[in-house]
Amino acid sequence: MAETILIVAAILIFLGVALGVLRLILGRSVIDRVAAVDMLTVVSISLIALYAHVGGRAIYLDVALVYGVLSFLAVVAIARYLEQGL
């Protein structure tokens, strides 16, 4: 039962990656593309967390946490640049 849940989670994560890349390619504006990149970082964080669970290595959760913080700061910086032009 647990393996089935992990397989379904992996399939949903890769579906999220595919849809994020599609939005990144077909995005009409820069804001659409920034939102797609932010979504891809969230999906990749979930992929790292899934890998940490499957591999039994909790240290990867720290990597995912740092990646999430850096992603948040990058999106805030890009949003500020697009709004005010820094």
Protein backbone atom coordinates (compact mmCIF):
# COMPACT_ATOMS: atom_id res chain seq x y z
CA MET A 1 0.00 0.00 0.00
CA ALA A 2 2.79 2.43 0.86
CA GLU A 3 4.58 1.72 -2.41
CA THR A 4 1.42 2.50 -4.34
CA ILE A 5 1.09 5.86 -2.61
CA LEU A 6 4.72 6.69 -3.37
CA ILE A 7 4.27 5.77 -7.03
CA VAL A 8 1.14 7.91 -7.30
CA ALA A 9 2.97 10.80 -5.63
CA ALA A 10 5.87 10.49 -8.07
CA ILE A 11 3.50 10.43 -11.04
CA LEU A 12 1.71 13.54 -9.78
CA ILE A 13 5.03 15.31 -9.20
CA PHE A 14 6.21 14.58 -12.73
CA LEU A 15 2.83 15.69 -14.07
CA GLY A 16 3.36 18.95 -12.21
CA VAL A 17 6.79 19.30 -13.79
CA ALA A 18 5.33 18.74 -17.26
CA LEU A 19 2.58 21.31 -16.72
CA GLY A 20 5.06 23.80 -15.26
CA VAL A 21 7.37 23.48 -18.25
CA LEU A 22 4.39 23.87 -20.55
CA ARG A 23 3.37 27.08 -18.75
CA LEU A 24 6.96 28.28 -18.91
CA ILE A 25 7.08 27.78 -22.67
CA LEU A 26 3.59 29.09 -23.45
CA GLY A 27 3.56 31.95 -20.95
CA ARG A 28 2.43 35.16 -22.59
CA SER A 29 4.08 37.54 -20.16
CA VAL A 30 7.08 37.64 -17.90
CA ILE A 31 4.83 37.31 -14.86
CA ASP A 32 3.43 34.02 -16.23
CA ARG A 33 6.95 32.70 -16.67
CA VAL A 34 8.02 33.78 -13.19
CA ALA A 35 4.97 32.04 -11.72
CA ALA A 36 5.84 28.92 -13.72
CA VAL A 37 9.41 28.93 -12.42
CA ASP A 38 8.11 29.38 -8.88
CA MET A 39 5.76 26.45 -9.37
CA LEU A 40 8.61 24.34 -10.70
CA THR A 41 10.67 25.10 -7.60
CA VAL A 42 7.79 24.07 -5.36
CA VAL A 43 7.37 20.85 -7.33
CA SER A 44 11.11 20.17 -7.17
CA ILE A 45 11.04 20.71 -3.41
CA SER A 46 8.32 18.07 -3.17
CA LEU A 47 10.45 15.78 -5.35
CA ILE A 48 13.39 16.26 -2.99
CA ALA A 49 11.15 15.51 -0.01
CA LEU A 50 9.84 12.37 -1.69
CA TYR A 51 13.38 11.26 -2.45
CA ALA A 52 14.36 11.90 1.17
CA HIS A 53 11.50 9.72 2.33
CA VAL A 54 12.22 6.89 -0.10
CA GLY A 55 15.95 7.00 0.57
CA GLY A 56 15.51 7.34 4.32
CA ARG A 57 17.85 10.34 4.46
CA ALA A 58 16.48 13.24 6.45
CA ILE A 59 19.39 15.50 5.49
CA TYR A 60 17.74 16.08 2.11
CA LEU A 61 14.87 17.82 3.90
CA ASP A 62 17.35 20.49 4.98
CA VAL A 63 18.37 20.90 1.35
CA ALA A 64 14.71 21.28 0.37
CA LEU A 65 14.19 23.88 3.09
CA VAL A 66 17.16 25.98 1.99
CA TYR A 67 16.07 25.65 -1.63
CA GLY A 68 12.61 26.90 -0.68
CA VAL A 69 13.98 29.93 1.14
CA LEU A 70 16.27 30.82 -1.78
CA SER A 71 13.39 30.38 -4.21
CA PHE A 72 11.19 32.68 -2.16
CA LEU A 73 13.87 35.36 -2.04
CA ALA A 74 14.45 35.08 -5.78
CA VAL A 75 10.75 35.47 -6.58
CA VAL A 76 10.50 38.49 -4.28
CA ALA A 77 13.54 40.07 -5.95
CA ILE A 78 12.14 39.44 -9.43
CA ALA A 79 8.73 40.82 -8.44
CA ARG A 80 10.35 43.95 -7.02
CA TYR A 81 12.41 44.36 -10.18
CA LEU A 82 9.36 44.01 -12.42
CA GLU A 83 7.31 46.41 -10.33
CA GLN A 84 9.82 49.17 -9.67
CA GLY A 85 12.75 48.48 -11.93
CA LEU A 86 15.19 48.40 -8.97
